[in-house]
Amino acid sequence: MSIRGALLIGVVGTWAFTAIASAETPQQQADKLFAEGRELLTVKKDAKAACEKFEAAISLDATATGTMLNLGLCYETLGKYASSIAWFRKAQAAASEAHLDEYESAAKDHTRIIAAKVPSLQITVSPAEAEVRIDGKKIATTDYGRVEVDPGAHEVVGTTTGKKKVVQTVDVPEGTSKPVTITFTENAVPVFVDRGKGRRRGALILGGIGVAALAFSGIYSYVQLGNWKDAGNDSSVTSKTQRDQNQDDIATQVQYVGTGAFILGCAAVVGAGVLYFTAPDKEQISDGTAFAPMITHDSFGLAASGRF
């Protein structure tokens, strides 16, 4: 083995060993993210960035009670009380199962403190089998009586078969409960997109050109046939040889011009047919668009929902 080859193997081997040695396990990554989140929350006072770190950590270690508690804390700091209390409840349950009395007590205390601050929505929907989503999250029918949300504006969307979706924007202040009634009154008007429209239009234009070329070929050949007969009977030309030559010239013109136009017309018509019948059909992209009231604590208006 050459010295260069030995050096190359040595470098690659060293790099591979270093990479393996420095690779972190998911648990180590979660611990690192947790530590970064704690620094952001307690030292830098950046609750938003801290929540992002804790969310990343919990995705790697879903059983970490301490991370759950800190998610509750940073969301509480941000005033997102529904998100906060949800994490405190998870932390309380996890701590109870793991017999972590201190964590369980802390989670209970925070839950009790912020419970009165959590706003909620009371959903009434008809028909009952309709689907309701709040900010994109599907709500279970068993939760319609009280859906805890963070303070602020929320988009409530109701959908059911054959009806326009209903969209409402509801603004819920801290510590309040608001009723939301969803009633479907209008039939859905499907929205279609015709992706083959341009191709079909082009096919019609090409087909028109083809028909025009065929028409030209027929008319031109008919006119030239008359000229060919006239050339054969032209009394001003005394030589039969010359009359035959004149007829041959006309026949040659018909062969190149008339036949060429005929072939072009046929090709255009066939091409148009292929384009037209292979064009994509209309595609439904939405079951309809809804106009629904927007309700906030200081305004009233209309919202449009759907894909255009």
Protein backbone atom coordinates (compact mmCIF):
# COMPACT_ATOMS: atom_id res chain seq x y z
CA MET A 1 0.00 0.00 0.00
CA SER A 2 1.30 3.49 -0.86
CA ILE A 3 1.98 6.10 1.82
CA ARG A 4 -0.75 8.28 0.33
CA GLY A 5 -3.26 5.42 0.58
CA ALA A 6 -2.30 4.71 4.17
CA LEU A 7 -2.65 8.37 5.10
CA LEU A 8 -6.05 8.54 3.39
CA ILE A 9 -7.32 5.50 5.29
CA GLY A 10 -6.00 6.97 8.50
CA VAL A 11 -7.75 10.30 7.96
CA VAL A 12 -11.06 8.66 7.02
CA GLY A 13 -10.84 6.31 9.99
CA THR A 14 -10.11 9.16 12.37
CA TRP A 15 -13.01 11.20 10.98
CA ALA A 16 -15.41 8.25 11.30
CA PHE A 17 -14.31 7.57 14.89
CA THR A 18 -14.72 11.26 15.82
CA ALA A 19 -18.18 11.39 14.21
CA ILE A 20 -19.33 8.28 16.08
CA ALA A 21 -17.89 9.51 19.36
CA SER A 22 -19.51 12.94 19.01
CA ALA A 23 -22.96 11.68 17.96
CA GLU A 24 -25.58 12.44 20.59
CA THR A 25 -28.37 10.13 21.59
CA PRO A 26 -31.95 11.46 21.46
CA GLN A 27 -31.92 11.62 25.26
CA GLN A 28 -28.73 13.70 25.25
CA GLN A 29 -30.21 16.01 22.62
CA ALA A 30 -33.38 16.38 24.69
CA ASP A 31 -31.34 17.22 27.82
CA LYS A 32 -29.35 19.81 25.87
CA LEU A 33 -32.51 21.43 24.50
CA PHE A 34 -34.04 21.44 27.99
CA ALA A 35 -30.98 23.22 29.42
CA GLU A 36 -31.09 25.80 26.62
CA GLY A 37 -34.79 26.33 27.26
CA ARG A 38 -34.23 26.87 30.98
CA GLU A 39 -31.57 29.49 30.26
CA LEU A 40 -33.87 31.30 27.84
CA LEU A 41 -36.76 31.22 30.31
CA THR A 42 -34.97 32.12 33.55
CA VAL A 43 -31.92 34.12 32.47
CA LYS A 44 -32.72 35.71 29.11
CA LYS A 45 -36.46 36.03 29.86
CA ASP A 46 -37.35 34.93 26.32
CA ALA A 47 -40.40 32.74 26.93
CA LYS A 48 -41.25 32.34 23.24
CA ALA A 49 -37.82 30.95 22.34
CA ALA A 50 -37.86 28.84 25.52
CA CYS A 51 -41.16 27.23 24.49
CA GLU A 52 -39.65 26.31 21.12
CA LYS A 53 -36.72 24.60 22.86
CA PHE A 54 -38.99 22.72 25.26
CA GLU A 55 -41.29 21.63 22.41
CA ALA A 56 -38.26 20.25 20.56
CA ALA A 57 -37.10 18.50 23.74
CA ILE A 58 -40.48 16.88 24.47
CA SER A 59 -40.61 15.55 20.90
CA LEU A 60 -37.43 13.60 21.70
CA ASP A 61 -38.43 12.54 25.21
CA ALA A 62 -42.22 12.47 25.55
CA THR A 63 -42.12 11.26 29.17
CA ALA A 64 -40.00 14.07 30.63
CA THR A 65 -42.13 15.51 33.44
CA GLY A 66 -39.73 18.40 33.99
CA THR A 67 -40.05 19.46 30.36
CA MET A 68 -43.84 19.32 30.63
CA LEU A 69 -43.74 21.58 33.68
CA ASN A 70 -41.50 24.08 31.92
CA LEU A 71 -43.73 24.10 28.86
CA GLY A 72 -46.56 25.00 31.19
CA LEU A 73 -44.45 27.77 32.73
CA CYS A 74 -43.33 29.38 29.48
CA TYR A 75 -46.83 29.29 27.96
CA GLU A 76 -48.18 30.77 31.20
CA THR A 77 -45.63 33.57 30.85
CA LEU A 78 -46.83 34.19 27.28
CA GLY A 79 -50.44 34.36 28.46
CA LYS A 80 -51.40 31.25 26.51
CA TYR A 81 -53.33 29.77 29.37
CA ALA A 82 -55.07 26.92 27.56
CA SER A 83 -51.73 25.64 26.24
CA SER A 84 -50.19 26.16 29.67
CA ILE A 85 -52.86 24.32 31.67
CA ALA A 86 -52.82 21.43 29.19
CA TRP A 87 -49.11 20.89 29.87
CA PHE A 88 -49.54 21.27 33.64
CA ARG A 89 -52.25 18.59 33.55
CA LYS A 90 -49.98 16.27 31.57
CA ALA A 91 -47.16 16.93 34.01
CA GLN A 92 -49.45 16.22 36.97
CA ALA A 93 -50.57 12.89 35.51
CA ALA A 94 -47.01 11.87 34.58
CA ALA A 95 -45.67 12.88 38.00
CA SER A 96 -48.42 10.94 39.76
CA GLU A 97 -47.59 7.79 37.81
CA ALA A 98 -43.86 8.20 38.52
CA HIS A 99 -44.46 9.10 42.20
CA LEU A 100 -42.73 12.47 41.77
CA ASP A 101 -44.57 14.24 44.56
CA GLU A 102 -42.79 17.59 44.22
CA TYR A 103 -43.51 17.81 40.48
CA GLU A 104 -47.10 16.73 41.00
CA SER A 105 -47.64 19.39 43.66
CA ALA A 106 -46.12 22.12 41.47
CA ALA A 107 -48.33 21.13 38.55
CA LYS A 108 -51.44 21.17 40.78
CA ASP A 109 -50.59 24.61 42.16
CA HIS A 110 -50.14 26.17 38.73
CA THR A 111 -53.28 24.48 37.40
CA ARG A 112 -55.29 25.92 40.26
CA ILE A 113 -53.85 29.43 39.76
CA ILE A 114 -54.50 29.73 36.01
CA ALA A 115 -57.74 27.72 35.75
CA ALA A 116 -59.87 30.85 36.09
CA LYS A 117 -57.87 32.63 33.39
CA VAL A 118 -58.47 30.03 30.68
CA PRO A 119 -61.11 31.18 28.16
CA SER A 120 -63.37 28.65 26.47
CA LEU A 121 -65.85 28.19 23.64
CA GLN A 122 -69.20 26.41 23.85
CA ILE A 123 -69.91 24.83 20.46
CA THR A 124 -73.41 24.18 19.16
CA VAL A 125 -73.55 22.66 15.70
CA SER A 126 -76.35 21.41 13.46
CA PRO A 127 -76.32 18.76 12.08
CA ALA A 128 -74.60 16.99 14.95
CA GLU A 129 -72.42 14.85 12.64
CA ALA A 130 -70.68 17.94 11.19
CA GLU A 131 -66.95 18.35 11.76
CA VAL A 132 -65.68 21.34 13.74
CA ARG A 133 -62.11 22.60 13.76
CA ILE A 134 -60.64 25.43 15.82
CA ASP A 135 -57.46 26.91 14.38
CA GLY A 136 -57.14 23.81 12.23
CA LYS A 137 -57.45 21.33 15.11
CA LYS A 138 -60.36 18.90 14.98
CA ILE A 139 -62.57 19.06 18.07
CA ALA A 140 -64.09 15.89 19.52
CA THR A 141 -67.87 16.03 19.83
CA THR A 142 -67.55 15.19 23.53
CA ASP A 143 -65.63 18.47 24.05
CA TYR A 144 -68.19 20.78 22.42
CA GLY A 145 -69.58 21.87 25.79
CA ARG A 146 -66.23 23.41 26.79
CA VAL A 147 -63.31 23.88 24.43
CA GLU A 148 -60.42 25.59 26.21
CA VAL A 149 -58.53 28.08 24.04
CA ASP A 150 -55.84 30.69 24.51
CA PRO A 151 -56.99 34.31 24.85
CA GLY A 152 -57.40 36.10 21.51
CA ALA A 153 -58.94 35.47 18.08
CA HIS A 154 -59.65 31.95 16.86
CA GLU A 155 -60.94 30.59 13.57
CA VAL A 156 -63.84 28.17 13.98
CA VAL A 157 -64.65 26.12 10.86
CA GLY A 158 -67.63 23.80 10.44
CA THR A 159 -67.93 21.36 7.53
CA THR A 160 -70.54 18.84 6.53
CA THR A 161 -71.41 16.91 3.39
CA GLY A 162 -73.20 18.86 0.67
CA LYS A 163 -73.11 22.23 2.46
CA LYS A 164 -70.89 25.27 2.27
CA LYS A 165 -68.36 25.33 5.05
CA VAL A 166 -69.06 27.86 7.76
CA VAL A 167 -66.22 29.99 9.05
CA GLN A 168 -66.35 32.20 12.11
CA THR A 169 -63.62 34.24 13.77
CA VAL A 170 -64.25 34.52 17.48
CA ASP A 171 -62.29 36.75 19.84
CA VAL A 172 -62.23 35.39 23.41
CA PRO A 173 -60.78 37.54 26.21
CA GLU A 174 -59.00 36.00 29.19
CA GLY A 175 -61.26 34.21 31.67
CA THR A 176 -64.41 34.35 29.54
CA SER A 177 -66.63 31.74 27.89
CA LYS A 178 -68.30 32.36 24.56
CA PRO A 179 -71.04 30.40 22.77
CA VAL A 180 -70.49 29.59 19.09
CA THR A 181 -73.40 28.36 16.99
CA ILE A 182 -72.69 26.73 13.62
CA THR A 183 -75.63 26.27 11.27
CA PHE A 184 -75.32 25.19 7.65
CA THR A 185 -77.85 27.01 5.46
CA GLU A 186 -76.43 26.99 1.92
CA ASN A 187 -75.69 24.09 -0.38
CA ALA A 188 -72.09 23.78 -1.46
CA VAL A 189 -71.13 25.11 -4.87
CA PRO A 190 -68.11 23.11 -6.01
CA VAL A 191 -65.14 25.03 -7.35
CA PHE A 192 -63.46 23.56 -10.43
CA VAL A 193 -60.21 24.30 -12.21
CA ASP A 194 -59.88 23.46 -15.91
CA ARG A 195 -56.22 22.63 -16.42
CA GLY A 196 -56.89 21.44 -19.98
CA LYS A 197 -58.62 24.62 -21.14
CA GLY A 198 -55.53 26.08 -22.80
CA ARG A 199 -54.78 22.82 -24.60
CA ARG A 200 -58.34 22.51 -25.87
CA ARG A 201 -58.29 26.12 -27.05
CA GLY A 202 -55.03 25.44 -28.90
CA ALA A 203 -56.56 22.30 -30.40
CA LEU A 204 -59.51 24.28 -31.74
CA ILE A 205 -57.20 26.86 -33.31
CA LEU A 206 -55.03 24.13 -34.84
CA GLY A 207 -58.14 22.33 -36.07
CA GLY A 208 -59.40 25.56 -37.64
CA ILE A 209 -56.10 25.96 -39.47
CA GLY A 210 -56.34 22.37 -40.66
CA VAL A 211 -59.91 22.80 -41.95
CA ALA A 212 -58.87 26.02 -43.72
CA ALA A 213 -55.94 24.22 -45.34
CA LEU A 214 -58.22 21.41 -46.53
CA ALA A 215 -60.72 23.91 -47.87
CA PHE A 216 -57.94 25.78 -49.68
CA SER A 217 -56.67 22.51 -51.15
CA GLY A 218 -60.13 21.63 -52.50
CA ILE A 219 -60.87 25.05 -53.94
CA TYR A 220 -57.39 25.45 -55.40
CA SER A 221 -57.53 22.00 -57.04
CA TYR A 222 -61.00 22.71 -58.44
CA VAL A 223 -59.91 26.02 -59.95
CA GLN A 224 -56.75 24.51 -61.38
CA LEU A 225 -58.77 21.67 -62.90
CA GLY A 226 -60.71 24.24 -64.87
CA ASN A 227 -57.45 25.91 -65.90
CA TRP A 228 -56.06 22.52 -66.92
CA LYS A 229 -59.08 21.89 -69.18
CA ASP A 230 -58.85 25.38 -70.65
CA ALA A 231 -55.17 24.88 -71.41
CA GLY A 232 -55.96 21.72 -73.33
CA ASN A 233 -58.61 23.48 -75.39
CA ASP A 234 -56.76 26.78 -75.85
CA SER A 235 -57.18 27.58 -79.56
CA SER A 236 -54.66 30.42 -79.33
CA VAL A 237 -51.93 27.81 -78.86
CA THR A 238 -51.58 26.02 -82.17
CA SER A 239 -49.00 23.49 -81.03
CA LYS A 240 -50.39 20.39 -79.28
CA THR A 241 -47.01 19.94 -77.66
CA GLN A 242 -47.26 23.40 -76.10
CA ARG A 243 -50.81 22.75 -74.90
CA ASP A 244 -49.64 19.51 -73.29
CA GLN A 245 -46.76 21.35 -71.65
CA ASN A 246 -49.13 23.96 -70.25
CA GLN A 247 -51.33 21.23 -68.78
CA ASP A 248 -48.29 19.52 -67.27
CA ASP A 249 -47.25 22.81 -65.61
CA ILE A 250 -50.71 23.18 -64.08
CA ALA A 251 -50.70 19.56 -62.90
CA THR A 252 -47.29 20.12 -61.27
CA GLN A 253 -48.60 23.19 -59.43
CA VAL A 254 -51.57 21.21 -58.17
CA GLN A 255 -49.27 18.43 -57.04
CA TYR A 256 -47.08 20.70 -54.94
CA VAL A 257 -49.54 23.32 -53.75
CA GLY A 258 -52.85 21.49 -53.56
CA THR A 259 -51.47 18.19 -52.33
CA GLY A 260 -49.16 19.97 -49.86
CA ALA A 261 -52.08 21.95 -48.42
CA PHE A 262 -54.14 18.76 -48.18
CA ILE A 263 -51.40 16.91 -46.25
CA LEU A 264 -50.88 19.92 -43.95
CA GLY A 265 -54.62 20.16 -43.31
CA CYS A 266 -54.93 16.47 -42.48
CA ALA A 267 -51.94 16.62 -40.11
CA ALA A 268 -53.37 19.71 -38.37
CA VAL A 269 -56.81 18.13 -37.93
CA VAL A 270 -55.33 14.89 -36.54
CA GLY A 271 -53.01 16.84 -34.22
CA ALA A 272 -55.91 18.95 -33.01
CA GLY A 273 -57.92 15.83 -32.23
CA VAL A 274 -55.08 14.35 -30.22
CA LEU A 275 -54.58 17.59 -28.27
CA TYR A 276 -58.29 18.01 -27.58
CA PHE A 277 -59.08 14.49 -26.42
CA THR A 278 -55.93 14.08 -24.31
CA ALA A 279 -56.38 17.40 -22.46
CA PRO A 280 -57.01 17.05 -18.69
CA ASP A 281 -60.64 17.20 -17.59
CA LYS A 282 -62.00 19.75 -15.15
CA GLU A 283 -60.86 19.03 -11.60
CA GLN A 284 -62.79 19.87 -8.45
CA ILE A 285 -60.51 21.71 -6.03
CA SER A 286 -63.06 22.75 -3.42
CA ASP A 287 -66.49 21.72 -2.21
CA GLY A 288 -67.52 25.37 -2.08
CA THR A 289 -66.84 28.73 -0.50
CA ALA A 290 -68.60 30.05 2.57
CA PHE A 291 -69.34 33.54 3.71
CA ALA A 292 -69.78 33.60 7.45
CA PRO A 293 -69.90 36.15 10.24
CA MET A 294 -66.73 37.31 11.98
CA ILE A 295 -67.53 38.01 15.60
CA THR A 296 -65.11 39.83 17.90
CA HIS A 297 -65.61 41.78 21.10
CA ASP A 298 -65.71 45.09 19.17
CA SER A 299 -66.58 44.33 15.53
CA PHE A 300 -68.80 42.38 13.19
CA GLY A 301 -68.14 41.46 9.57
CA LEU A 302 -67.95 38.72 6.96
CA ALA A 303 -65.28 36.17 6.20
CA ALA A 304 -64.76 34.16 3.03
CA SER A 305 -63.35 30.68 3.18
CA GLY A 306 -62.34 28.29 0.43
CA ARG A 307 -59.72 27.62 -2.21
CA PHE A 308 -59.62 29.79 -5.31
